[in-house]
Amino acid sequence: MRIITLALAALLLLIQYPLWLGKGGWLAVTDLENQLSASRARTEQLKARNAKLDSEVHDLREGLGAVEERARYELGMIKQNEIFVQVLRKDEKPAVMMTVPPPKPEPKTGAKTAKGTNRPLPPPED
């Protein structure tokens, strides 16, 4: 009787081995589930990044506002006849100007100017 009990216990252990440690056992399934959840999290991050890049590409293709914004903030460009004003804190240094300001317009030839200046006279009031 004792031999039969030992044989049955050994068979029970042999049957349990594939369940716990085999190819489709509980440990392998748990490991695969952890890998799957990590892959899903990474996929969600990449989807969010792709959506952001897609919207940026759409903005650059369709609207000029994004191009203008990049030109202003990244390249320091300003529009014609626009005045750039920079407010600094006490410990800040001014930004380097990347664009050359346009030359000042010359006064029209033949126009009367005020004495000692190159500024034209205001039009006469009637």
C-alpha atoms as a PDB file:
ATOM      1  CA  MET A   1       0.000   0.000   0.000  1.00  0.00           C
ATOM      2  CA  ARG A   2       2.836   2.319   0.837  1.00  0.00           C
ATOM      3  CA  ILE A   3       4.425   1.782  -2.599  1.00  0.00           C
ATOM      4  CA  ILE A   4       1.170   2.636  -4.393  1.00  0.00           C
ATOM      5  CA  THR A   5       0.857   5.894  -2.372  1.00  0.00           C
ATOM      6  CA  LEU A   6       4.431   6.894  -3.262  1.00  0.00           C
ATOM      7  CA  ALA A   7       3.856   6.034  -6.928  1.00  0.00           C
ATOM      8  CA  LEU A   8       0.661   8.110  -7.031  1.00  0.00           C
ATOM      9  CA  ALA A   9       2.422  11.044  -5.328  1.00  0.00           C
ATOM     10  CA  ALA A  10       5.250  10.827  -7.885  1.00  0.00           C
ATOM     11  CA  LEU A  11       2.720  10.755 -10.750  1.00  0.00           C
ATOM     12  CA  LEU A  12       0.932  13.746  -9.259  1.00  0.00           C
ATOM     13  CA  LEU A  13       4.226  15.694  -9.141  1.00  0.00           C
ATOM     14  CA  LEU A  14       5.039  14.714 -12.740  1.00  0.00           C
ATOM     15  CA  ILE A  15       1.618  15.908 -13.889  1.00  0.00           C
ATOM     16  CA  GLN A  16       2.069  19.223 -12.021  1.00  0.00           C
ATOM     17  CA  TYR A  17       5.465  19.978 -13.624  1.00  0.00           C
ATOM     18  CA  PRO A  18       4.115  21.050 -17.070  1.00  0.00           C
ATOM     19  CA  LEU A  19       1.339  23.046 -15.385  1.00  0.00           C
ATOM     20  CA  TRP A  20       3.791  25.192 -13.437  1.00  0.00           C
ATOM     21  CA  LEU A  21       7.091  25.105 -15.334  1.00  0.00           C
ATOM     22  CA  GLY A  22       6.211  23.872 -18.842  1.00  0.00           C
ATOM     23  CA  LYS A  23       5.847  25.771 -22.103  1.00  0.00           C
ATOM     24  CA  GLY A  24       2.245  26.868 -21.435  1.00  0.00           C
ATOM     25  CA  GLY A  25       2.486  26.822 -17.627  1.00  0.00           C
ATOM     26  CA  TRP A  26       1.358  29.454 -15.158  1.00  0.00           C
ATOM     27  CA  LEU A  27       4.777  31.074 -14.875  1.00  0.00           C
ATOM     28  CA  ALA A  28       5.131  31.424 -18.642  1.00  0.00           C
ATOM     29  CA  VAL A  29       1.608  32.827 -18.941  1.00  0.00           C
ATOM     30  CA  THR A  30       2.276  35.394 -16.192  1.00  0.00           C
ATOM     31  CA  ASP A  31       5.519  36.443 -17.880  1.00  0.00           C
ATOM     32  CA  LEU A  32       3.765  36.830 -21.248  1.00  0.00           C
ATOM     33  CA  GLU A  33       0.973  38.889 -19.658  1.00  0.00           C
ATOM     34  CA  ASN A  34       3.569  41.253 -18.156  1.00  0.00           C
ATOM     35  CA  GLN A  35       5.263  41.598 -21.555  1.00  0.00           C
ATOM     36  CA  LEU A  36       1.898  42.244 -23.201  1.00  0.00           C
ATOM     37  CA  SER A  37       0.957  45.017 -20.741  1.00  0.00           C
ATOM     38  CA  ALA A  38       4.376  46.677 -21.222  1.00  0.00           C
ATOM     39  CA  SER A  39       3.950  46.480 -25.006  1.00  0.00           C
ATOM     40  CA  ARG A  40       0.469  48.017 -24.795  1.00  0.00           C
ATOM     41  CA  ALA A  41       1.723  50.887 -22.644  1.00  0.00           C
ATOM     42  CA  ARG A  42       4.573  51.570 -25.101  1.00  0.00           C
ATOM     43  CA  THR A  43       2.108  51.405 -28.018  1.00  0.00           C
ATOM     44  CA  GLU A  44      -0.137  54.003 -26.359  1.00  0.00           C
ATOM     45  CA  GLN A  45       2.840  56.321 -25.840  1.00  0.00           C
ATOM     46  CA  LEU A  46       3.837  55.963 -29.486  1.00  0.00           C
ATOM     47  CA  LYS A  47       0.249  56.550 -30.664  1.00  0.00           C
ATOM     48  CA  ALA A  48       0.093  59.787 -28.666  1.00  0.00           C
ATOM     49  CA  ARG A  49       3.462  60.886 -30.109  1.00  0.00           C
ATOM     50  CA  ASN A  50       2.336  60.030 -33.642  1.00  0.00           C
ATOM     51  CA  ALA A  51      -0.914  61.954 -33.191  1.00  0.00           C
ATOM     52  CA  LYS A  52       1.039  65.007 -32.017  1.00  0.00           C
ATOM     53  CA  LEU A  53       3.427  64.778 -34.977  1.00  0.00           C
ATOM     54  CA  ASP A  54       0.514  64.264 -37.370  1.00  0.00           C
ATOM     55  CA  SER A  55      -1.238  67.385 -36.121  1.00  0.00           C
ATOM     56  CA  GLU A  56       1.998  69.374 -36.431  1.00  0.00           C
ATOM     57  CA  VAL A  57       2.495  68.164 -40.019  1.00  0.00           C
ATOM     58  CA  HIS A  58      -1.122  69.080 -40.794  1.00  0.00           C
ATOM     59  CA  ASP A  59      -0.599  72.564 -39.343  1.00  0.00           C
ATOM     60  CA  LEU A  60       2.576  73.070 -41.345  1.00  0.00           C
ATOM     61  CA  ARG A  61       0.926  71.929 -44.588  1.00  0.00           C
ATOM     62  CA  GLU A  62      -2.385  73.742 -44.211  1.00  0.00           C
ATOM     63  CA  GLY A  63      -1.851  76.821 -42.097  1.00  0.00           C
ATOM     64  CA  LEU A  64       0.705  79.565 -42.297  1.00  0.00           C
ATOM     65  CA  GLY A  65       0.242  80.355 -38.621  1.00  0.00           C
ATOM     66  CA  ALA A  66       2.513  77.505 -37.530  1.00  0.00           C
ATOM     67  CA  VAL A  67       5.206  78.558 -39.994  1.00  0.00           C
ATOM     68  CA  GLU A  68       5.001  82.154 -38.800  1.00  0.00           C
ATOM     69  CA  GLU A  69       5.136  81.056 -35.155  1.00  0.00           C
ATOM     70  CA  ARG A  70       8.264  78.968 -35.749  1.00  0.00           C
ATOM     71  CA  ALA A  71       9.903  81.802 -37.678  1.00  0.00           C
ATOM     72  CA  ARG A  72       9.210  84.218 -34.847  1.00  0.00           C
ATOM     73  CA  TYR A  73      10.228  82.088 -31.865  1.00  0.00           C
ATOM     74  CA  GLU A  74      12.965  79.886 -33.293  1.00  0.00           C
ATOM     75  CA  LEU A  75      14.537  82.246 -35.842  1.00  0.00           C
ATOM     76  CA  GLY A  76      13.734  85.614 -34.261  1.00  0.00           C
ATOM     77  CA  MET A  77      12.096  87.001 -37.409  1.00  0.00           C
ATOM     78  CA  ILE A  78       9.714  89.941 -37.463  1.00  0.00           C
ATOM     79  CA  LYS A  79       7.384  91.321 -40.123  1.00  0.00           C
ATOM     80  CA  GLN A  80       7.997  94.394 -42.262  1.00  0.00           C
ATOM     81  CA  ASN A  81       7.170  97.607 -40.359  1.00  0.00           C
ATOM     82  CA  GLU A  82       6.811  95.675 -37.102  1.00  0.00           C
ATOM     83  CA  ILE A  83       8.501  96.807 -33.901  1.00  0.00           C
ATOM     84  CA  PHE A  84      10.184  94.189 -31.712  1.00  0.00           C
ATOM     85  CA  VAL A  85       9.962  94.910 -27.995  1.00  0.00           C
ATOM     86  CA  GLN A  86      11.779  92.730 -25.488  1.00  0.00           C
ATOM     87  CA  VAL A  87      11.096  93.066 -21.762  1.00  0.00           C
ATOM     88  CA  LEU A  88      13.938  91.821 -19.574  1.00  0.00           C
ATOM     89  CA  ARG A  89      14.190  91.020 -15.887  1.00  0.00           C
ATOM     90  CA  LYS A  90      17.069  92.502 -13.919  1.00  0.00           C
ATOM     91  CA  ASP A  91      19.303  89.432 -14.330  1.00  0.00           C
ATOM     92  CA  GLU A  92      18.439  88.581 -17.980  1.00  0.00           C
ATOM     93  CA  LYS A  93      20.546  89.289 -21.029  1.00  0.00           C
ATOM     94  CA  PRO A  94      18.937  90.422 -24.303  1.00  0.00           C
ATOM     95  CA  ALA A  95      18.364  87.830 -27.023  1.00  0.00           C
ATOM     96  CA  VAL A  96      20.599  87.891 -30.050  1.00  0.00           C
ATOM     97  CA  MET A  97      18.833  89.419 -33.040  1.00  0.00           C
ATOM     98  CA  MET A  98      18.959  87.037 -35.988  1.00  0.00           C
ATOM     99  CA  THR A  99      17.459  89.325 -38.600  1.00  0.00           C
ATOM    100  CA  VAL A 100      18.864  92.595 -39.852  1.00  0.00           C
ATOM    101  CA  PRO A 101      16.475  95.501 -39.383  1.00  0.00           C
ATOM    102  CA  PRO A 102      15.329  97.119 -42.632  1.00  0.00           C
ATOM    103  CA  PRO A 103      17.008 100.397 -43.611  1.00  0.00           C
ATOM    104  CA  LYS A 104      15.207 103.603 -42.734  1.00  0.00           C
ATOM    105  CA  PRO A 105      13.371 105.164 -45.676  1.00  0.00           C
ATOM    106  CA  GLU A 106      15.075 108.140 -47.301  1.00  0.00           C
ATOM    107  CA  PRO A 107      13.133 111.412 -47.492  1.00  0.00           C
ATOM    108  CA  LYS A 108      11.635 112.145 -50.879  1.00  0.00           C
ATOM    109  CA  THR A 109      13.791 114.332 -53.088  1.00  0.00           C
ATOM    110  CA  GLY A 110      12.448 117.764 -53.731  1.00  0.00           C
ATOM    111  CA  ALA A 111      10.443 117.767 -50.512  1.00  0.00           C
ATOM    112  CA  LYS A 112      10.958 120.693 -48.188  1.00  0.00           C
ATOM    113  CA  THR A 113      12.702 119.820 -44.930  1.00  0.00           C
ATOM    114  CA  ALA A 114      12.879 121.578 -41.584  1.00  0.00           C
ATOM    115  CA  LYS A 115      16.045 123.580 -40.952  1.00  0.00           C
ATOM    116  CA  GLY A 116      18.914 121.475 -39.658  1.00  0.00           C
ATOM    117  CA  THR A 117      17.032 118.142 -40.029  1.00  0.00           C
ATOM    118  CA  ASN A 118      16.301 115.666 -42.745  1.00  0.00           C
ATOM    119  CA  ARG A 119      12.678 115.350 -41.673  1.00  0.00           C
ATOM    120  CA  PRO A 120      10.094 116.597 -44.161  1.00  0.00           C
ATOM    121  CA  LEU A 121       7.846 119.465 -43.154  1.00  0.00           C
ATOM    122  CA  PRO A 122       4.247 118.616 -42.247  1.00  0.00           C
ATOM    123  CA  PRO A 123       1.667 119.476 -44.910  1.00  0.00           C
ATOM    124  CA  PRO A 124       0.211 122.988 -44.604  1.00  0.00           C
ATOM    125  CA  GLU A 125      -3.162 123.260 -42.934  1.00  0.00           C
ATOM    126  CA  ASP A 126      -5.823 125.249 -44.795  1.00  0.00           C
END
